[in-house]
Amino acid sequence: MIKILSFHFLENNHLFLEFSDGSKGIFDLPAYLAKKQGPLLEPLKDEGFLKRAFLDAGALSWPHGLELSPDRLHELTQKQQAA
């Protein structure tokens, strides 16, 4: 089971992620939000709210209850590196 060990924000609301398997990647959050919709994702379009992210049991989380799956983020960042 993959976990996110650390993250930090880059410019343009991209996130640099470090995973428990030793891999690292950049998550393009604006591109993700352009493809996905929902009431829990909408607040992430506000940079102030977005920057309230924290790690909870290895998942990227926000105070309103949203958690992004570490496995899915790992898959997305590794797929991006392969492209």
Protein backbone atom coordinates (compact mmCIF):
# COMPACT_ATOMS: atom_id res chain seq x y z
CA MET A 1 0.00 0.00 0.00
CA ILE A 2 1.48 3.30 -1.14
CA LYS A 3 1.45 6.29 1.19
CA ILE A 4 2.43 9.90 0.66
CA LEU A 5 5.31 10.73 3.00
CA SER A 6 5.59 14.44 2.21
CA PHE A 7 4.43 17.09 -0.20
CA HIS A 8 4.96 20.73 -1.00
CA PHE A 9 3.38 23.20 -3.36
CA LEU A 10 5.04 24.33 -6.57
CA GLU A 11 3.97 27.18 -8.80
CA ASN A 12 0.62 27.05 -10.57
CA ASN A 13 -0.91 24.83 -7.85
CA HIS A 14 1.13 21.76 -8.75
CA LEU A 15 2.22 19.54 -5.87
CA PHE A 16 5.50 17.71 -5.46
CA LEU A 17 4.80 14.36 -3.79
CA GLU A 18 7.14 11.83 -2.15
CA PHE A 19 5.81 8.29 -1.80
CA SER A 20 6.58 5.41 0.56
CA ASP A 21 8.11 3.33 -2.26
CA GLY A 22 10.80 5.99 -2.75
CA SER A 23 9.29 7.48 -5.89
CA LYS A 24 8.54 11.16 -6.36
CA GLY A 25 6.29 12.99 -8.75
CA ILE A 26 4.47 16.17 -9.60
CA PHE A 27 0.69 16.22 -9.41
CA ASP A 28 -0.94 18.65 -11.84
CA LEU A 29 -3.92 19.64 -9.71
CA PRO A 30 -5.37 22.19 -12.18
CA ALA A 31 -5.48 19.53 -14.92
CA TYR A 32 -7.09 17.07 -12.49
CA LEU A 33 -9.75 19.61 -11.47
CA ALA A 34 -10.46 20.38 -15.14
CA LYS A 35 -11.45 16.72 -15.66
CA LYS A 36 -13.20 16.03 -12.34
CA GLN A 37 -16.19 17.68 -10.72
CA GLY A 38 -17.94 17.52 -7.39
CA PRO A 39 -18.78 19.49 -4.29
CA LEU A 40 -15.66 18.35 -2.44
CA LEU A 41 -13.35 19.30 -5.31
CA GLU A 42 -14.82 22.76 -5.92
CA PRO A 43 -13.14 24.39 -2.85
CA LEU A 44 -9.71 23.33 -4.18
CA LYS A 45 -10.03 25.97 -6.89
CA ASP A 46 -9.49 28.56 -4.15
CA GLU A 47 -5.73 28.77 -3.56
CA GLY A 48 -6.19 29.79 0.08
CA PHE A 49 -8.23 26.68 0.80
CA LEU A 50 -6.02 24.49 -1.36
CA LYS A 51 -2.98 25.39 0.74
CA ARG A 52 -4.70 24.04 3.87
CA ALA A 53 -3.81 20.52 2.69
CA PHE A 54 -2.33 18.05 5.16
CA LEU A 55 -1.41 14.37 5.28
CA ASP A 56 -3.73 11.97 7.08
CA ALA A 57 -2.58 8.35 7.27
CA GLY A 58 -0.61 8.82 4.04
CA ALA A 59 -3.42 10.48 2.07
CA LEU A 60 -3.52 14.07 0.85
CA SER A 61 -6.42 15.64 2.78
CA TRP A 62 -8.30 18.87 3.41
CA PRO A 63 -10.32 20.09 6.39
CA HIS A 64 -13.71 19.61 4.67
CA GLY A 65 -13.19 15.82 4.49
CA LEU A 66 -11.69 15.32 1.03
CA GLU A 67 -8.91 12.75 0.77
CA LEU A 68 -7.14 11.99 -2.50
CA SER A 69 -6.03 8.39 -2.74
CA PRO A 70 -2.26 7.94 -2.46
CA ASP A 71 -2.49 5.00 -4.87
CA ARG A 72 -4.27 7.10 -7.48
CA LEU A 73 -1.90 10.04 -7.04
CA HIS A 74 1.04 7.65 -7.38
CA GLU A 75 -0.46 6.26 -10.57
CA LEU A 76 -1.07 9.73 -12.02
CA THR A 77 2.41 11.06 -11.21
CA GLN A 78 4.18 7.97 -12.55
CA LYS A 79 2.08 8.02 -15.74
CA GLN A 80 3.02 11.69 -16.20
CA GLN A 81 6.74 10.90 -15.86
CA ALA A 82 6.47 8.12 -18.44
CA ALA A 83 4.86 10.43 -20.99
